[in-house]
Amino acid sequence: MRGSRIGFAVSCLPLFAAGAALAVVSGARAAEAPTLRPGTAAIVAGTHVRCVEAMSSVLCRKLGGLTATIAERGAVRVTRGSGTLPATKHRLVLHRDDGFVITGTRGMSTYCHVYVAGKPVISCALDYPTLSHASVGFDMSDAFAVVVRYDEAGGRHELRTIKQP
């Protein structure tokens, strides 16, 4: 009787190992940021900020305020009152530690995520390892937009802070 229990336990080991491996892979996928689909607006919960994908770039805008754009070529632009965001069919609500990725046409990606510094802030930056020496990005909240640059060591340098109207 005892030998059959041990034999059964040994025969089940591959199933347990496969189940554990599947759980690890599923957990890793869940932690990755999803790709923002065309026609989807990413809405930062607790703010009036929305972001959309616009031809390999990310465009974030506070309703009635500033618009920040980051293009895959490495340019960040902040403008005041520049119209409306493109119409979208879907919504993705972002909370603390949520984010998304936009994959560009030249192999570069833009990664955006939400952090909380008193109030929710969305931070977007180019994510391309060989361009880390010239990586740029922006942060946007209901109160401000900040243009940033990252140095070779990954240090963050705020280049310009603009208050929201």
N, C-alpha and C. Protein backbone atom coordinates (compact mmCIF):
# COMPACT_ATOMS: atom_id res chain seq x y z
N MET A 1 0.83 -1.19 0.00
CA MET A 1 0.00 0.00 0.00
C MET A 1 0.87 1.25 0.00
N ARG A 2 1.88 1.23 0.87
CA ARG A 2 2.75 2.39 0.97
C ARG A 2 3.49 2.64 -0.34
N GLY A 3 3.97 1.61 -1.00
CA GLY A 3 4.70 1.74 -2.26
C GLY A 3 3.82 2.35 -3.35
N SER A 4 2.53 2.01 -3.37
CA SER A 4 1.65 2.55 -4.40
C SER A 4 1.41 4.05 -4.18
N ARG A 5 1.37 4.50 -2.92
CA ARG A 5 1.21 5.94 -2.65
C ARG A 5 2.43 6.71 -3.13
N ILE A 6 3.61 6.16 -2.87
CA ILE A 6 4.84 6.82 -3.31
C ILE A 6 4.90 6.83 -4.83
N GLY A 7 4.55 5.72 -5.44
CA GLY A 7 4.54 5.64 -6.90
C GLY A 7 3.57 6.65 -7.50
N PHE A 8 2.40 6.79 -6.87
CA PHE A 8 1.40 7.76 -7.34
C PHE A 8 1.93 9.18 -7.20
N ALA A 9 2.57 9.49 -6.06
CA ALA A 9 3.11 10.83 -5.82
C ALA A 9 4.21 11.15 -6.83
N VAL A 10 5.08 10.18 -7.10
CA VAL A 10 6.16 10.39 -8.07
C VAL A 10 5.58 10.59 -9.47
N SER A 11 4.55 9.83 -9.82
CA SER A 11 3.96 9.97 -11.16
C SER A 11 3.25 11.32 -11.32
N CYS A 12 2.82 11.94 -10.23
CA CYS A 12 2.14 13.24 -10.28
C CYS A 12 3.11 14.42 -10.30
N LEU A 13 4.38 14.20 -9.99
CA LEU A 13 5.35 15.30 -9.95
C LEU A 13 5.41 16.09 -11.26
N PRO A 14 5.45 15.44 -12.43
CA PRO A 14 5.48 16.25 -13.66
C PRO A 14 4.25 17.16 -13.80
N LEU A 15 3.10 16.69 -13.37
CA LEU A 15 1.89 17.53 -13.43
C LEU A 15 2.01 18.73 -12.51
N PHE A 16 2.53 18.52 -11.30
CA PHE A 16 2.72 19.63 -10.37
C PHE A 16 3.72 20.64 -10.92
N ALA A 17 4.81 20.14 -11.50
CA ALA A 17 5.83 21.03 -12.08
C ALA A 17 5.26 21.84 -13.23
N ALA A 18 4.48 21.18 -14.10
CA ALA A 18 3.87 21.90 -15.23
C ALA A 18 2.89 22.96 -14.73
N GLY A 19 2.12 22.62 -13.71
CA GLY A 19 1.18 23.59 -13.13
C GLY A 19 1.90 24.78 -12.52
N ALA A 20 2.99 24.53 -11.83
CA ALA A 20 3.76 25.62 -11.22
C ALA A 20 4.38 26.50 -12.30
N ALA A 21 4.90 25.90 -13.36
CA ALA A 21 5.49 26.68 -14.45
C ALA A 21 4.43 27.53 -15.12
N LEU A 22 3.25 26.99 -15.34
CA LEU A 22 2.16 27.73 -15.95
C LEU A 22 1.75 28.91 -15.07
N ALA A 23 1.71 28.71 -13.77
CA ALA A 23 1.36 29.78 -12.84
C ALA A 23 2.39 30.90 -12.89
N VAL A 24 3.68 30.56 -12.98
CA VAL A 24 4.73 31.57 -13.04
C VAL A 24 4.62 32.36 -14.33
N VAL A 25 4.43 31.68 -15.47
CA VAL A 25 4.30 32.37 -16.75
C VAL A 25 3.07 33.26 -16.75
N SER A 26 1.94 32.77 -16.24
CA SER A 26 0.72 33.58 -16.19
C SER A 26 0.92 34.81 -15.32
N GLY A 27 1.62 34.66 -14.20
CA GLY A 27 1.89 35.79 -13.33
C GLY A 27 2.77 36.82 -14.00
N ALA A 28 3.76 36.37 -14.77
CA ALA A 28 4.64 37.31 -15.47
C ALA A 28 3.86 38.09 -16.52
N ARG A 29 2.98 37.41 -17.25
CA ARG A 29 2.19 38.11 -18.25
C ARG A 29 1.26 39.13 -17.61
N ALA A 30 0.69 38.81 -16.48
CA ALA A 30 -0.23 39.72 -15.81
C ALA A 30 0.48 40.98 -15.36
N ALA A 31 1.78 40.88 -15.05
CA ALA A 31 2.53 42.03 -14.56
C ALA A 31 2.98 42.95 -15.69
N GLU A 32 2.96 42.46 -16.94
CA GLU A 32 3.38 43.27 -18.06
C GLU A 32 2.28 44.25 -18.44
N ALA A 33 2.69 45.43 -18.92
CA ALA A 33 1.72 46.42 -19.35
C ALA A 33 1.11 46.00 -20.69
N PRO A 34 -0.19 46.17 -20.85
CA PRO A 34 -0.82 45.81 -22.12
C PRO A 34 -0.51 46.85 -23.20
N THR A 35 -0.62 46.43 -24.44
CA THR A 35 -0.49 47.36 -25.56
C THR A 35 -1.80 48.12 -25.68
N LEU A 36 -1.71 49.43 -25.81
CA LEU A 36 -2.91 50.24 -25.98
C LEU A 36 -3.37 50.08 -27.41
N ARG A 37 -4.56 49.52 -27.57
CA ARG A 37 -5.10 49.27 -28.90
C ARG A 37 -5.54 50.57 -29.57
N PRO A 38 -5.42 50.64 -30.88
CA PRO A 38 -5.95 51.82 -31.58
C PRO A 38 -7.44 51.98 -31.26
N GLY A 39 -7.88 53.20 -31.11
CA GLY A 39 -9.28 53.45 -30.80
C GLY A 39 -9.61 53.33 -29.32
N THR A 40 -8.58 53.23 -28.46
CA THR A 40 -8.79 53.11 -27.02
C THR A 40 -8.22 54.34 -26.32
N ALA A 41 -9.01 54.90 -25.43
CA ALA A 41 -8.54 56.02 -24.60
C ALA A 41 -8.14 55.46 -23.24
N ALA A 42 -6.94 55.79 -22.80
CA ALA A 42 -6.48 55.43 -21.46
C ALA A 42 -6.84 56.59 -20.55
N ILE A 43 -7.66 56.34 -19.56
CA ILE A 43 -8.15 57.38 -18.66
C ILE A 43 -7.48 57.20 -17.30
N VAL A 44 -6.82 58.25 -16.82
CA VAL A 44 -6.16 58.18 -15.53
C VAL A 44 -7.22 58.42 -14.44
N ALA A 45 -7.51 57.39 -13.65
CA ALA A 45 -8.54 57.48 -12.61
C ALA A 45 -8.22 58.60 -11.63
N GLY A 46 -9.23 59.37 -11.27
CA GLY A 46 -9.07 60.44 -10.30
C GLY A 46 -8.54 61.73 -10.89
N THR A 47 -8.44 61.79 -12.23
CA THR A 47 -7.96 63.01 -12.90
C THR A 47 -8.86 63.31 -14.11
N HIS A 48 -8.52 64.37 -14.81
CA HIS A 48 -9.18 64.71 -16.07
C HIS A 48 -8.23 64.47 -17.24
N VAL A 49 -7.26 63.54 -17.06
CA VAL A 49 -6.24 63.27 -18.07
C VAL A 49 -6.60 61.99 -18.82
N ARG A 50 -6.50 62.08 -20.15
CA ARG A 50 -6.73 60.94 -21.04
C ARG A 50 -5.56 60.85 -22.00
N CYS A 51 -5.25 59.63 -22.41
CA CYS A 51 -4.16 59.41 -23.38
C CYS A 51 -4.66 58.53 -24.51
N VAL A 52 -4.12 58.77 -25.71
CA VAL A 52 -4.44 57.94 -26.87
C VAL A 52 -3.17 57.70 -27.67
N GLU A 53 -3.22 56.67 -28.50
CA GLU A 53 -2.15 56.39 -29.44
C GLU A 53 -2.45 57.17 -30.70
N ALA A 54 -1.45 57.87 -31.22
CA ALA A 54 -1.64 58.67 -32.43
C ALA A 54 -0.44 58.49 -33.35
N MET A 55 -0.54 57.54 -34.29
CA MET A 55 0.52 57.30 -35.27
C MET A 55 1.90 57.13 -34.63
N SER A 56 2.08 56.08 -33.88
CA SER A 56 3.35 55.74 -33.22
C SER A 56 3.79 56.76 -32.19
N SER A 57 2.87 57.51 -31.65
CA SER A 57 3.18 58.44 -30.57
C SER A 57 2.08 58.35 -29.53
N VAL A 58 2.35 58.92 -28.37
CA VAL A 58 1.35 58.97 -27.31
C VAL A 58 0.98 60.42 -27.10
N LEU A 59 -0.31 60.66 -27.01
CA LEU A 59 -0.84 62.00 -26.81
C LEU A 59 -1.68 61.97 -25.53
N CYS A 60 -1.32 62.78 -24.53
CA CYS A 60 -2.09 62.85 -23.28
C CYS A 60 -2.59 64.29 -23.13
N ARG A 61 -3.82 64.42 -22.67
CA ARG A 61 -4.42 65.75 -22.56
C ARG A 61 -5.29 65.83 -21.33
N LYS A 62 -5.17 66.96 -20.64
CA LYS A 62 -6.10 67.26 -19.55
C LYS A 62 -7.24 68.06 -20.16
N LEU A 63 -8.45 67.65 -19.88
CA LEU A 63 -9.61 68.34 -20.40
C LEU A 63 -9.53 69.83 -20.06
N GLY A 64 -9.50 70.69 -21.08
CA GLY A 64 -9.41 72.12 -20.88
C GLY A 64 -8.03 72.62 -20.52
N GLY A 65 -7.01 71.75 -20.66
CA GLY A 65 -5.66 72.13 -20.24
C GLY A 65 -4.61 71.83 -21.27
N LEU A 66 -3.46 71.35 -20.79
CA LEU A 66 -2.31 71.08 -21.63
C LEU A 66 -2.42 69.75 -22.36
N THR A 67 -1.71 69.66 -23.49
CA THR A 67 -1.58 68.42 -24.24
C THR A 67 -0.09 68.12 -24.34
N ALA A 68 0.31 66.89 -23.99
CA ALA A 68 1.71 66.46 -24.11
C ALA A 68 1.76 65.31 -25.10
N THR A 69 2.76 65.38 -25.99
CA THR A 69 2.95 64.35 -27.00
C THR A 69 4.38 63.87 -26.96
N ILE A 70 4.57 62.56 -27.05
CA ILE A 70 5.91 61.99 -27.18
C ILE A 70 5.90 61.14 -28.45
N ALA A 71 6.82 61.46 -29.35
CA ALA A 71 6.92 60.74 -30.62
C ALA A 71 8.08 59.77 -30.56
N GLU A 72 8.00 58.71 -31.35
CA GLU A 72 9.05 57.68 -31.30
C GLU A 72 10.39 58.20 -31.78
N ARG A 73 10.43 59.32 -32.44
CA ARG A 73 11.72 59.89 -32.87
C ARG A 73 12.42 60.61 -31.72
N GLY A 74 11.75 60.71 -30.56
CA GLY A 74 12.39 61.27 -29.38
C GLY A 74 12.02 62.69 -29.05
N ALA A 75 10.96 63.19 -29.63
CA ALA A 75 10.54 64.57 -29.37
C ALA A 75 9.35 64.60 -28.41
N VAL A 76 9.43 65.50 -27.43
CA VAL A 76 8.31 65.73 -26.51
C VAL A 76 7.82 67.15 -26.75
N ARG A 77 6.52 67.30 -26.88
CA ARG A 77 5.92 68.61 -27.10
C ARG A 77 4.79 68.82 -26.11
N VAL A 78 4.73 70.00 -25.52
CA VAL A 78 3.63 70.35 -24.63
C VAL A 78 3.00 71.62 -25.19
N THR A 79 1.69 71.58 -25.40
CA THR A 79 0.98 72.73 -25.95
C THR A 79 -0.25 73.03 -25.10
N ARG A 80 -0.75 74.24 -25.22
CA ARG A 80 -1.97 74.64 -24.50
C ARG A 80 -3.16 74.62 -25.44
N GLY A 81 -4.29 74.11 -24.94
CA GLY A 81 -5.55 74.16 -25.66
C GLY A 81 -5.49 73.75 -27.11
N SER A 82 -4.92 72.60 -27.39
CA SER A 82 -4.75 72.19 -28.79
C SER A 82 -5.84 71.23 -29.24
N GLY A 83 -7.08 71.67 -29.20
CA GLY A 83 -8.18 70.87 -29.74
C GLY A 83 -8.58 69.71 -28.86
N THR A 84 -9.17 68.71 -29.50
CA THR A 84 -9.68 67.55 -28.78
C THR A 84 -8.89 66.30 -29.18
N LEU A 85 -9.00 65.29 -28.36
CA LEU A 85 -8.38 64.00 -28.68
C LEU A 85 -9.23 63.31 -29.74
N PRO A 86 -8.62 62.43 -30.53
CA PRO A 86 -9.39 61.67 -31.51
C PRO A 86 -10.49 60.86 -30.82
N ALA A 87 -11.58 60.64 -31.53
CA ALA A 87 -12.68 59.84 -30.99
C ALA A 87 -12.21 58.41 -30.74
N THR A 88 -12.68 57.81 -29.66
CA THR A 88 -12.29 56.44 -29.33
C THR A 88 -13.54 55.60 -29.07
N LYS A 89 -13.39 54.30 -29.29
CA LYS A 89 -14.50 53.37 -29.08
C LYS A 89 -14.39 52.64 -27.75
N HIS A 90 -13.16 52.54 -27.23
CA HIS A 90 -12.91 51.75 -26.03
C HIS A 90 -12.24 52.61 -24.97
N ARG A 91 -12.36 52.16 -23.70
CA ARG A 91 -11.73 52.86 -22.58
C ARG A 91 -10.92 51.88 -21.76
N LEU A 92 -9.79 52.37 -21.28
CA LEU A 92 -8.94 51.63 -20.36
C LEU A 92 -8.69 52.56 -19.18
N VAL A 93 -9.24 52.22 -18.02
CA VAL A 93 -9.07 53.06 -16.84
C VAL A 93 -7.81 52.62 -16.11
N LEU A 94 -6.92 53.59 -15.87
CA LEU A 94 -5.63 53.31 -15.23
C LEU A 94 -5.64 53.78 -13.78
N HIS A 95 -5.24 52.91 -12.88
CA HIS A 95 -5.09 53.23 -11.47
C HIS A 95 -3.60 53.17 -11.14
N ARG A 96 -3.26 53.38 -9.89
CA ARG A 96 -1.86 53.33 -9.44
C ARG A 96 -1.19 52.05 -9.92
N ASP A 97 0.01 52.19 -10.47
CA ASP A 97 0.84 51.09 -10.98
C ASP A 97 0.30 50.43 -12.24
N ASP A 98 -0.77 50.95 -12.84
CA ASP A 98 -1.25 50.46 -14.13
C ASP A 98 -0.51 51.20 -15.24
N GLY A 99 -0.50 50.64 -16.42
CA GLY A 99 0.15 51.30 -17.53
C GLY A 99 -0.17 50.65 -18.85
N PHE A 100 0.50 51.11 -19.90
CA PHE A 100 0.33 50.57 -21.23
C PHE A 100 1.58 50.84 -22.05
N VAL A 101 1.66 50.16 -23.19
CA VAL A 101 2.77 50.30 -24.12
C VAL A 101 2.22 50.63 -25.50
N ILE A 102 2.92 51.50 -26.21
CA ILE A 102 2.64 51.77 -27.62
C ILE A 102 3.88 51.32 -28.38
N THR A 103 3.72 50.40 -29.32
CA THR A 103 4.85 49.94 -30.11
C THR A 103 4.91 50.77 -31.38
N GLY A 104 6.05 51.40 -31.59
CA GLY A 104 6.23 52.26 -32.75
C GLY A 104 6.57 51.47 -34.00
N THR A 105 6.66 52.17 -35.10
CA THR A 105 6.95 51.53 -36.38
C THR A 105 8.44 51.27 -36.57
N ARG A 106 9.29 51.91 -35.80
CA ARG A 106 10.74 51.77 -35.95
C ARG A 106 11.35 50.89 -34.85
N GLY A 107 10.52 50.09 -34.19
CA GLY A 107 11.02 49.17 -33.17
C GLY A 107 11.14 49.78 -31.79
N MET A 108 10.84 51.05 -31.65
CA MET A 108 10.87 51.69 -30.34
C MET A 108 9.48 51.62 -29.73
N SER A 109 9.43 51.61 -28.42
CA SER A 109 8.16 51.60 -27.72
C SER A 109 8.08 52.81 -26.80
N THR A 110 6.87 53.18 -26.48
CA THR A 110 6.64 54.20 -25.46
C THR A 110 5.88 53.51 -24.34
N TYR A 111 6.41 53.63 -23.13
CA TYR A 111 5.81 53.02 -21.96
C TYR A 111 5.23 54.11 -21.08
N CYS A 112 3.97 53.96 -20.69
CA CYS A 112 3.30 54.91 -19.81
C CYS A 112 2.78 54.16 -18.59
N HIS A 113 2.91 54.77 -17.42
CA HIS A 113 2.38 54.17 -16.20
C HIS A 113 1.93 55.27 -15.25
N VAL A 114 1.07 54.88 -14.31
CA VAL A 114 0.52 55.82 -13.34
C VAL A 114 1.21 55.61 -12.00
N TYR A 115 1.62 56.72 -11.39
CA TYR A 115 2.12 56.68 -10.03
C TYR A 115 1.37 57.76 -9.25
N VAL A 116 1.47 57.71 -7.95
CA VAL A 116 0.77 58.67 -7.12
C VAL A 116 1.78 59.49 -6.33
N ALA A 117 1.70 60.80 -6.49
CA ALA A 117 2.52 61.75 -5.74
C ALA A 117 1.54 62.76 -5.15
N GLY A 118 0.78 62.32 -4.15
CA GLY A 118 -0.32 63.13 -3.63
C GLY A 118 -1.57 62.90 -4.46
N LYS A 119 -1.45 63.09 -5.76
CA LYS A 119 -2.52 62.85 -6.73
C LYS A 119 -1.96 61.97 -7.85
N PRO A 120 -2.83 61.31 -8.62
CA PRO A 120 -2.33 60.45 -9.71
C PRO A 120 -1.61 61.26 -10.79
N VAL A 121 -0.52 60.66 -11.31
CA VAL A 121 0.29 61.25 -12.37
C VAL A 121 0.57 60.15 -13.39
N ILE A 122 0.45 60.48 -14.68
CA ILE A 122 0.86 59.51 -15.70
C ILE A 122 2.23 59.93 -16.21
N SER A 123 3.11 58.95 -16.33
CA SER A 123 4.48 59.19 -16.78
C SER A 123 4.70 58.37 -18.05
N CYS A 124 5.14 59.03 -19.13
CA CYS A 124 5.39 58.34 -20.40
C CYS A 124 6.82 58.61 -20.83
N ALA A 125 7.49 57.57 -21.32
CA ALA A 125 8.88 57.71 -21.77
C ALA A 125 9.16 56.70 -22.87
N LEU A 126 10.14 57.03 -23.71
CA LEU A 126 10.58 56.08 -24.73
C LEU A 126 11.25 54.92 -24.03
N ASP A 127 11.04 53.73 -24.53
CA ASP A 127 11.59 52.52 -23.95
C ASP A 127 12.35 51.78 -25.04
N TYR A 128 13.62 52.16 -25.21
CA TYR A 128 14.44 51.54 -26.24
C TYR A 128 15.87 51.51 -25.71
N PRO A 129 16.38 50.33 -25.40
CA PRO A 129 17.66 50.22 -24.69
C PRO A 129 18.83 50.97 -25.31
N THR A 130 18.99 50.96 -26.63
CA THR A 130 20.15 51.61 -27.23
C THR A 130 20.03 53.12 -27.25
N LEU A 131 18.85 53.65 -26.95
CA LEU A 131 18.67 55.10 -26.92
C LEU A 131 18.58 55.62 -25.49
N SER A 132 18.99 54.81 -24.52
CA SER A 132 18.84 55.21 -23.13
C SER A 132 19.61 56.50 -22.81
N HIS A 133 20.66 56.78 -23.57
CA HIS A 133 21.43 58.00 -23.32
C HIS A 133 20.65 59.24 -23.74
N ALA A 134 19.62 59.07 -24.53
CA ALA A 134 18.86 60.23 -25.01
C ALA A 134 17.37 60.06 -24.76
N SER A 135 17.01 59.22 -23.82
CA SER A 135 15.61 58.95 -23.58
C SER A 135 14.91 60.17 -23.00
N VAL A 136 13.72 60.40 -23.47
CA VAL A 136 12.93 61.55 -23.03
C VAL A 136 11.55 61.07 -22.62
N GLY A 137 10.82 61.97 -21.96
CA GLY A 137 9.47 61.63 -21.56
C GLY A 137 8.76 62.81 -20.95
N PHE A 138 7.58 62.53 -20.41
CA PHE A 138 6.82 63.57 -19.71
C PHE A 138 5.98 62.95 -18.62
N ASP A 139 5.64 63.75 -17.65
CA ASP A 139 4.67 63.41 -16.61
C ASP A 139 3.52 64.39 -16.75
N MET A 140 2.30 63.92 -16.50
CA MET A 140 1.15 64.82 -16.56
C MET A 140 0.15 64.48 -15.47
N SER A 141 -0.36 65.55 -14.85
CA SER A 141 -1.41 65.42 -13.84
C SER A 141 -2.41 66.55 -14.08
N ASP A 142 -3.39 66.64 -13.20
CA ASP A 142 -4.34 67.76 -13.28
C ASP A 142 -3.66 69.08 -12.96
N ALA A 143 -2.50 69.06 -12.32
CA ALA A 143 -1.84 70.29 -11.87
C ALA A 143 -0.69 70.74 -12.77
N PHE A 144 -0.02 69.82 -13.48
CA PHE A 144 1.18 70.19 -14.22
C PHE A 144 1.50 69.19 -15.32
N ALA A 145 2.45 69.60 -16.19
CA ALA A 145 3.12 68.71 -17.14
C ALA A 145 4.61 68.97 -16.97
N VAL A 146 5.40 67.91 -16.93
CA VAL A 146 6.85 68.02 -16.76
C VAL A 146 7.52 67.29 -17.91
N VAL A 147 8.45 67.95 -18.60
CA VAL A 147 9.25 67.33 -19.65
C VAL A 147 10.54 66.85 -18.99
N VAL A 148 10.91 65.58 -19.24
CA VAL A 148 12.08 64.99 -18.58
C VAL A 148 13.03 64.36 -19.60
N ARG A 149 14.27 64.20 -19.17
CA ARG A 149 15.30 63.50 -19.93
C ARG A 149 15.97 62.52 -18.98
N TYR A 150 16.36 61.36 -19.49
CA TYR A 150 17.07 60.36 -18.69
C TYR A 150 18.50 60.24 -19.21
N ASP A 151 19.48 60.26 -18.28
CA ASP A 151 20.87 60.15 -18.70
C ASP A 151 21.27 58.68 -18.84
N GLU A 152 22.53 58.44 -19.18
CA GLU A 152 23.01 57.08 -19.42
C GLU A 152 22.87 56.17 -18.21
N ALA A 153 22.97 56.73 -17.02
CA ALA A 153 22.85 55.95 -15.79
C ALA A 153 21.39 55.75 -15.38
N GLY A 154 20.45 56.31 -16.16
CA GLY A 154 19.04 56.18 -15.83
C GLY A 154 18.55 57.29 -14.92
N GLY A 155 19.41 58.28 -14.64
CA GLY A 155 19.01 59.41 -13.81
C GLY A 155 18.01 60.29 -14.53
N ARG A 156 17.06 60.76 -13.80
CA ARG A 156 15.99 61.58 -14.36
C ARG A 156 16.30 63.06 -14.15
N HIS A 157 16.14 63.85 -15.21
CA HIS A 157 16.39 65.29 -15.15
C HIS A 157 15.16 66.02 -15.67
N GLU A 158 14.55 66.83 -14.81
CA GLU A 158 13.38 67.60 -15.23
C GLU A 158 13.84 68.82 -16.01
N LEU A 159 13.40 68.93 -17.25
CA LEU A 159 13.82 70.02 -18.12
C LEU A 159 12.89 71.22 -18.03
N ARG A 160 11.60 70.96 -17.87
CA ARG A 160 10.63 72.04 -17.87
C ARG A 160 9.36 71.59 -17.16
N THR A 161 8.82 72.44 -16.30
CA THR A 161 7.56 72.18 -15.62
C THR A 161 6.58 73.27 -16.02
N ILE A 162 5.40 72.85 -16.45
CA ILE A 162 4.38 73.79 -16.91
C ILE A 162 3.12 73.54 -16.09
N LYS A 163 2.58 74.59 -15.46
CA LYS A 163 1.34 74.45 -14.69
C LYS A 163 0.16 74.34 -15.62
N GLN A 164 -0.78 73.50 -15.23
CA GLN A 164 -2.04 73.37 -15.98
C GLN A 164 -2.86 74.64 -15.75
N PRO A 165 -3.58 75.10 -16.77
CA PRO A 165 -4.47 76.27 -16.58
C PRO A 165 -5.66 75.92 -15.69
